[in-house]
């Protein structure tokens, strides 16, 4: 068995595998409509919103673009702190949508502070909650509050791709108006679904544009248990199955994910490795490569033991490596991964 230790795609949940083994379901039938409505209701609980969650066939990046296109009009000014590859992607998406983007550039691994985003004159603030490329976690409620203190009519959009079902999340309670995620991270399902959660305030101000990504059209269809276009309905069933299993014990599940990631950081500290993020997300552990040890050697050391890891992105490419237990791993399997980590790196590091 291969140990998939990447921050997406992740090791699948048994309930997802079980759901995916069922026969193909036609998406324009009553059983499919019932399944779609059940999945949307469960996702609404997972995002902690009284608004709507739309299920799109595509990746998390597609969901990010849908959020930007449907919340903001061309020419509107948005603030986008850039502190990793995916926050940079948010800025690029906003620019491609014709928005006036002010980037708040930070070194990869750091996070924006409330003081830095408390700037007037903006229609929106776009943030990545858990920056997968660095393993950093931002204080989303504090940032949203600081921004809206200066921009009461502004909208806050958040990438929750690697925080949904891994870290506590909420929309209205945190001042977040729209959020996105994907099926292949904390939901422990295969890639293929992009999720867009819209709080009531965002729904009121929806500015639909585009064709495939017209969220107003999707909303009309999905309220009836369908989708505007052909959905990946079997993946929808997998997501519903996982949420039905995890949501009733969500607090314990989040505590497990936090403990597992902290375990990886403890092993890294024992080995003398330096962590990348200033504030650590429970979704992924990121470490700077030791002096004189190339990423290919670290990757090969894990591969020889049946494990797949991830490297750095953007300016961190070739400088870091990343591990994640975001997938379906229990406490004892995590201890096994910790032992594998020690064994893989122990022989190639200089004495501390």
Protein backbone atom coordinates (compact mmCIF):
# COMPACT_ATOMS: atom_id res chain seq x y z
CA UNK A 1 0.00 0.00 0.00
CA UNK A 2 1.29 3.45 -0.93
CA UNK A 3 1.30 6.11 1.78
CA UNK A 4 -0.15 9.23 0.16
CA UNK A 5 1.28 12.04 2.30
CA UNK A 6 0.63 14.91 -0.10
CA UNK A 7 -1.62 17.89 0.74
CA UNK A 8 -4.03 16.85 -1.99
CA UNK A 9 -5.07 14.57 -3.41
CA UNK A 10 -5.26 12.64 -0.18
CA UNK A 11 -5.92 9.13 1.04
CA UNK A 12 -9.64 8.47 0.51
CA UNK A 13 -12.12 7.89 3.31
CA UNK A 14 -13.61 4.34 3.40
CA UNK A 15 -17.10 5.83 3.05
CA UNK A 16 -16.00 7.61 -0.12
CA UNK A 17 -14.63 4.36 -1.55
CA UNK A 18 -17.86 2.58 -0.67
CA UNK A 19 -19.98 5.27 -2.34
CA UNK A 20 -17.81 5.28 -5.47
CA UNK A 21 -18.24 1.51 -5.85
CA UNK A 22 -21.98 1.94 -6.47
CA UNK A 23 -23.39 1.82 -10.02
CA UNK A 24 -23.50 4.99 -12.10
CA UNK A 25 -26.44 7.20 -11.12
CA UNK A 26 -28.20 9.31 -13.74
CA UNK A 27 -28.19 12.91 -12.58
CA UNK A 28 -31.70 13.75 -13.85
CA UNK A 29 -33.51 11.22 -11.68
CA UNK A 30 -35.27 11.52 -8.35
CA UNK A 31 -32.63 9.51 -6.41
CA UNK A 32 -29.95 11.86 -7.77
CA UNK A 33 -31.98 14.93 -6.78
CA UNK A 34 -32.40 13.60 -3.25
CA UNK A 35 -28.66 12.88 -3.03
CA UNK A 36 -27.75 16.34 -4.35
CA UNK A 37 -30.01 18.08 -1.84
CA UNK A 38 -28.64 15.97 1.01
CA UNK A 39 -25.06 16.77 0.02
CA UNK A 40 -25.82 20.50 -0.14
CA UNK A 41 -27.44 20.43 3.30
CA UNK A 42 -24.44 18.60 4.79
CA UNK A 43 -22.03 21.05 3.16
CA UNK A 44 -24.02 23.94 4.55
CA UNK A 45 -23.39 22.51 8.03
CA UNK A 46 -19.71 21.91 7.26
CA UNK A 47 -19.20 25.55 6.19
CA UNK A 48 -21.34 26.73 9.14
CA UNK A 49 -23.51 28.99 7.04
CA UNK A 50 -27.20 29.83 6.79
CA UNK A 51 -26.59 30.65 3.14
CA UNK A 52 -26.16 28.32 0.18
CA UNK A 53 -23.44 25.92 -0.93
CA UNK A 54 -23.11 25.27 -4.65
CA UNK A 55 -21.48 22.10 -5.97
CA UNK A 56 -19.55 22.63 -9.21
CA UNK A 57 -17.84 20.04 -11.38
CA UNK A 58 -14.21 21.14 -11.41
CA UNK A 59 -11.33 21.91 -9.08
CA UNK A 60 -10.90 24.32 -6.20
CA UNK A 61 -9.40 26.80 -8.65
CA UNK A 62 -12.64 26.74 -10.64
CA UNK A 63 -14.53 27.51 -7.43
CA UNK A 64 -12.16 30.42 -6.71
CA UNK A 65 -12.82 31.89 -10.16
CA UNK A 66 -16.58 31.40 -9.80
CA UNK A 67 -16.53 33.25 -6.47
CA UNK A 68 -14.59 36.22 -7.88
CA UNK A 69 -16.65 36.46 -11.06
CA UNK A 70 -19.98 36.40 -9.23
CA UNK A 71 -19.21 38.67 -6.27
CA UNK A 72 -17.33 41.50 -8.00
CA UNK A 73 -17.77 43.58 -11.13
CA UNK A 74 -14.93 44.60 -13.46
CA UNK A 75 -13.15 47.72 -12.26
CA UNK A 76 -13.96 47.20 -8.58
CA UNK A 77 -11.03 47.45 -6.20
CA UNK A 78 -10.02 44.46 -4.09
CA UNK A 79 -7.23 43.87 -1.59
CA UNK A 80 -5.37 40.56 -1.90
CA UNK A 81 -2.62 39.70 0.59
CA UNK A 82 -0.11 37.40 -1.11
CA UNK A 83 1.74 35.04 1.24
CA UNK A 84 1.89 31.80 -0.76
CA UNK A 85 1.16 30.20 -4.12
CA UNK A 86 -2.60 30.03 -3.65
CA UNK A 87 -3.04 33.56 -2.37
CA UNK A 88 -1.02 34.60 -5.42
CA UNK A 89 -3.46 32.59 -7.53
CA UNK A 90 -6.38 34.48 -5.95
CA UNK A 91 -4.74 37.75 -7.04
CA UNK A 92 -4.22 36.42 -10.58
CA UNK A 93 -7.83 35.27 -10.82
CA UNK A 94 -9.06 38.68 -9.67
CA UNK A 95 -6.83 40.41 -12.22
CA UNK A 96 -8.05 38.15 -15.02
CA UNK A 97 -11.64 39.03 -14.01
CA UNK A 98 -10.93 42.72 -14.62
CA UNK A 99 -10.74 43.82 -11.00
CA UNK A 100 -8.37 46.50 -9.72
CA UNK A 101 -6.13 44.39 -7.49
CA UNK A 102 -3.91 45.80 -4.77
CA UNK A 103 -1.49 43.11 -3.67
CA UNK A 104 -0.17 43.10 -0.14
CA UNK A 105 3.07 41.18 -0.65
CA UNK A 106 4.47 39.13 2.24
CA UNK A 107 7.29 36.58 2.38
CA UNK A 108 6.03 33.03 1.82
CA UNK A 109 5.38 31.48 5.22
CA UNK A 110 4.25 34.67 6.91
CA UNK A 111 0.61 35.74 7.34
CA UNK A 112 -1.16 39.11 7.08
CA UNK A 113 -2.12 40.91 10.30
CA UNK A 114 -5.39 42.76 10.93
CA UNK A 115 -3.53 46.09 10.91
CA UNK A 116 -2.31 45.46 7.35
CA UNK A 117 -5.80 44.83 5.92
CA UNK A 118 -7.58 47.65 7.79
CA UNK A 119 -7.41 49.88 4.70
CA UNK A 120 -10.40 51.83 3.32
CA UNK A 121 -11.57 52.10 -0.26
CA UNK A 122 -12.11 48.46 -1.20
CA UNK A 123 -15.04 46.43 -2.45
CA UNK A 124 -13.47 43.17 -1.38
CA UNK A 125 -10.77 41.26 0.50
CA UNK A 126 -9.60 37.87 -0.78
CA UNK A 127 -7.80 35.58 1.64
CA UNK A 128 -6.48 32.03 1.76
CA UNK A 129 -7.38 30.56 5.15
CA UNK A 130 -4.94 27.63 5.04
CA UNK A 131 -2.09 28.41 2.60
CA UNK A 132 -1.29 24.92 1.33
CA UNK A 133 2.00 25.94 -0.28
CA UNK A 134 3.55 27.04 3.04
CA UNK A 135 1.46 25.36 5.74
CA UNK A 136 0.40 28.74 7.17
CA UNK A 137 -2.97 29.50 8.78
CA UNK A 138 -4.40 33.03 8.94
CA UNK A 139 -6.68 34.46 11.63
CA UNK A 140 -9.63 34.77 9.29
CA UNK A 141 -12.19 36.28 11.71
CA UNK A 142 -9.74 38.95 12.91
CA UNK A 143 -8.80 39.88 9.34
CA UNK A 144 -12.42 40.05 8.21
CA UNK A 145 -13.36 42.24 11.16
CA UNK A 146 -10.46 44.62 10.59
CA UNK A 147 -11.23 44.94 6.89
CA UNK A 148 -14.96 45.53 7.39
CA UNK A 149 -14.22 48.10 10.05
CA UNK A 150 -12.83 50.25 7.23
CA UNK A 151 -15.08 48.89 4.45
CA UNK A 152 -18.55 48.23 5.92
CA UNK A 153 -20.01 47.40 2.50
CA UNK A 154 -17.03 45.27 1.50
CA UNK A 155 -17.16 41.52 0.90
CA UNK A 156 -14.68 38.99 2.25
CA UNK A 157 -13.94 35.92 0.14
CA UNK A 158 -11.94 33.01 1.53
CA UNK A 159 -10.17 29.99 0.11
CA UNK A 160 -11.00 27.18 2.57
CA UNK A 161 -9.65 24.47 0.29
CA UNK A 162 -7.42 22.89 2.96
CA UNK A 163 -9.25 24.08 6.04
CA UNK A 164 -12.74 22.63 5.46
CA UNK A 165 -13.04 19.53 7.69
CA UNK A 166 -9.45 20.05 8.87
CA UNK A 167 -9.71 23.26 10.90
CA UNK A 168 -12.74 25.05 12.40
CA UNK A 169 -14.45 27.21 9.77
CA UNK A 170 -17.51 29.46 9.68
CA UNK A 171 -18.93 32.06 7.34
CA UNK A 172 -21.31 34.53 9.00
CA UNK A 173 -19.83 34.10 12.49
CA UNK A 174 -16.41 35.04 11.11
CA UNK A 175 -17.55 37.85 8.82
CA UNK A 176 -16.83 35.80 5.69
CA UNK A 177 -19.25 36.36 2.80
CA UNK A 178 -18.09 33.67 0.39
CA UNK A 179 -15.78 30.67 0.62
CA UNK A 180 -14.53 27.89 -1.62
CA UNK A 181 -13.20 24.38 -1.21
CA UNK A 182 -12.68 21.16 -3.15
CA UNK A 183 -13.44 17.47 -2.80
CA UNK A 184 -9.85 16.17 -2.74
CA UNK A 185 -8.61 17.68 0.54
CA UNK A 186 -10.28 17.52 3.97
CA UNK A 187 -13.37 15.90 2.47
CA UNK A 188 -11.19 12.87 1.68
CA UNK A 189 -12.73 12.25 -1.74
CA UNK A 190 -11.20 12.18 -5.24
CA UNK A 191 -10.58 15.42 -7.15
CA UNK A 192 -13.44 16.71 -9.28
CA UNK A 193 -15.75 18.93 -7.23
CA UNK A 194 -15.35 22.63 -6.51
CA UNK A 195 -17.53 24.07 -3.75
CA UNK A 196 -18.75 27.65 -3.38
CA UNK A 197 -20.38 28.69 -0.10
CA UNK A 198 -22.30 31.97 -0.11
CA UNK A 199 -23.49 33.68 3.07
CA UNK A 200 -26.84 35.55 2.90
CA UNK A 201 -25.06 38.88 2.40
CA UNK A 202 -23.24 37.54 -0.66
CA UNK A 203 -26.43 36.04 -2.05
CA UNK A 204 -28.13 39.42 -1.84
CA UNK A 205 -25.33 41.08 -3.80
CA UNK A 206 -24.68 38.31 -6.33
CA UNK A 207 -23.49 39.72 -9.68
CA UNK A 208 -23.61 36.71 -12.00
CA UNK A 209 -21.49 36.62 -15.13
CA UNK A 210 -19.91 34.00 -17.26
CA UNK A 211 -21.69 30.99 -18.71
CA UNK A 212 -20.58 27.77 -17.04
CA UNK A 213 -19.74 29.68 -13.85
CA UNK A 214 -22.98 31.68 -13.62
CA UNK A 215 -23.83 31.04 -9.96
CA UNK A 216 -27.33 32.53 -10.20
CA UNK A 217 -28.21 29.90 -12.81
CA UNK A 218 -26.61 27.21 -10.66
CA UNK A 219 -28.51 28.40 -7.61
CA UNK A 220 -31.87 28.09 -9.36
CA UNK A 221 -31.07 24.55 -10.48
CA UNK A 222 -29.45 23.36 -7.27
CA UNK A 223 -32.33 24.51 -5.09
CA UNK A 224 -34.33 21.89 -7.00
CA UNK A 225 -31.72 19.17 -6.50
CA UNK A 226 -30.18 19.48 -9.94
CA UNK A 227 -27.29 21.37 -11.50
CA UNK A 228 -27.17 23.63 -14.52
CA UNK A 229 -24.68 21.33 -16.24
CA UNK A 230 -23.76 17.66 -15.96
CA UNK A 231 -22.50 17.07 -12.41
CA UNK A 232 -19.99 14.52 -11.18
CA UNK A 233 -22.89 12.91 -9.35
CA UNK A 234 -20.96 9.89 -8.04
CA UNK A 235 -18.49 12.27 -6.38
CA UNK A 236 -21.43 14.12 -4.86
CA UNK A 237 -22.49 10.81 -3.33
CA UNK A 238 -18.99 10.25 -1.96
CA UNK A 239 -18.93 13.71 -0.35
CA UNK A 240 -22.34 13.13 1.24
CA UNK A 241 -21.23 9.75 2.61
CA UNK A 242 -18.09 11.21 4.21
CA UNK A 243 -19.94 14.15 5.73
CA UNK A 244 -22.62 11.89 7.19
CA UNK A 245 -19.84 9.95 8.92
CA UNK A 246 -17.67 12.88 10.06
CA UNK A 247 -20.03 15.75 10.95
CA UNK A 248 -21.65 14.06 14.00
CA UNK A 249 -18.16 13.82 15.56
CA UNK A 250 -16.59 16.84 13.94
CA UNK A 251 -14.93 18.14 17.11
CA UNK A 252 -13.08 14.86 17.62
CA UNK A 253 -12.14 14.72 13.95
CA UNK A 254 -10.65 18.23 13.99
CA UNK A 255 -8.76 17.42 17.19
CA UNK A 256 -7.29 14.33 15.52
CA UNK A 257 -6.16 16.32 12.47
CA UNK A 258 -4.53 18.93 14.70
CA UNK A 259 -2.76 16.25 16.76
CA UNK A 260 -1.53 14.44 13.64
CA UNK A 261 -0.04 17.55 12.09
CA UNK A 262 1.53 18.61 15.37
CA UNK A 263 3.13 15.14 15.51
CA UNK A 264 4.79 15.74 12.13
CA UNK A 265 6.17 19.05 13.39
CA UNK A 266 7.49 17.38 16.55
CA UNK A 267 9.36 14.83 14.45
CA UNK A 268 10.74 17.60 12.26
CA UNK A 269 11.94 19.46 15.34
CA UNK A 270 13.62 16.28 16.66
CA UNK A 271 15.45 16.01 13.33
CA UNK A 272 16.59 19.63 13.48
CA UNK A 273 14.38 20.79 10.60
CA UNK A 274 13.10 24.36 10.38
CA UNK A 275 9.36 24.86 9.89
CA UNK A 276 8.22 27.11 7.04
CA UNK A 277 5.08 28.78 8.45
CA UNK A 278 5.00 31.34 11.23
CA UNK A 279 1.49 30.15 12.19
CA UNK A 280 0.91 26.47 11.46
CA UNK A 281 -2.19 25.12 9.74
CA UNK A 282 -3.32 21.64 10.82
CA UNK A 283 -3.58 20.67 7.14
CA UNK A 284 0.07 20.35 6.15
CA UNK A 285 3.54 20.36 7.69
CA UNK A 286 6.16 22.24 5.66
CA UNK A 287 9.91 22.17 6.36
CA UNK A 288 12.94 23.84 4.83
CA UNK A 289 15.33 21.34 3.31
CA UNK A 290 18.51 20.79 5.35
CA UNK A 291 21.67 22.44 4.07
CA UNK A 292 23.15 20.42 1.23
CA UNK A 293 20.21 17.98 0.93
CA UNK A 294 18.27 18.33 -2.35
CA UNK A 295 14.55 17.75 -2.54
CA UNK A 296 14.97 14.81 -4.93
CA UNK A 297 16.95 12.96 -2.23
CA UNK A 298 14.23 13.53 0.37
CA UNK A 299 11.51 12.54 -2.09
CA UNK A 300 13.40 9.36 -2.98
CA UNK A 301 13.96 8.47 0.69
CA UNK A 302 10.19 8.57 1.27
CA UNK A 303 9.48 6.77 -2.03
CA UNK A 304 11.78 3.89 -1.03
CA UNK A 305 9.50 3.42 1.97
CA UNK A 306 6.32 3.53 -0.10
CA UNK A 307 5.37 7.15 0.62
CA UNK A 308 4.63 10.10 -1.65
CA UNK A 309 5.38 13.65 -0.46
CA UNK A 310 5.21 17.12 -2.02
CA UNK A 311 7.83 19.75 -2.73
CA UNK A 312 7.74 23.52 -2.72
CA UNK A 313 5.93 25.85 -5.10
CA UNK A 314 6.81 29.27 -6.49
CA UNK A 315 9.82 30.82 -4.74
CA UNK A 316 9.92 27.84 -2.34
CA UNK A 317 10.44 25.32 -5.13
CA UNK A 318 13.55 23.27 -4.38
CA UNK A 319 13.79 24.78 -0.88
CA UNK A 320 11.14 22.92 1.13
CA UNK A 321 9.21 19.66 1.38
CA UNK A 322 5.66 19.13 2.60
CA UNK A 323 3.85 16.28 4.38
CA UNK A 324 0.16 15.93 5.14
CA UNK A 325 -2.11 13.57 7.06
CA UNK A 326 -5.21 15.43 5.88
CA UNK A 327 -6.54 12.22 4.36
CA UNK A 328 -8.09 9.24 6.10
CA UNK A 329 -5.46 8.31 8.70
CA UNK A 330 -6.17 7.24 12.25
CA UNK A 331 -4.01 7.94 15.30
CA UNK A 332 -1.97 4.74 15.04
CA UNK A 333 -1.30 5.11 11.33
CA UNK A 334 -0.06 8.63 12.05
CA UNK A 335 2.44 7.19 14.53
CA UNK A 336 3.60 4.85 11.76
CA UNK A 337 4.05 7.80 9.41
CA UNK A 338 6.06 9.56 12.12
CA UNK A 339 8.37 6.54 12.34
CA UNK A 340 8.70 6.48 8.56
CA UNK A 341 9.56 10.20 8.61
CA UNK A 342 12.31 9.66 11.19
CA UNK A 343 13.76 6.72 9.28
CA UNK A 344 13.65 8.44 5.89
CA UNK A 345 15.41 11.63 7.03
CA UNK A 346 17.53 10.32 9.90
CA UNK A 347 20.23 8.81 7.72
CA UNK A 348 20.81 11.85 5.54
CA UNK A 349 20.96 14.60 8.15
CA UNK A 350 24.16 15.81 9.84
CA UNK A 351 24.38 15.24 13.61
CA UNK A 352 22.59 18.05 15.50
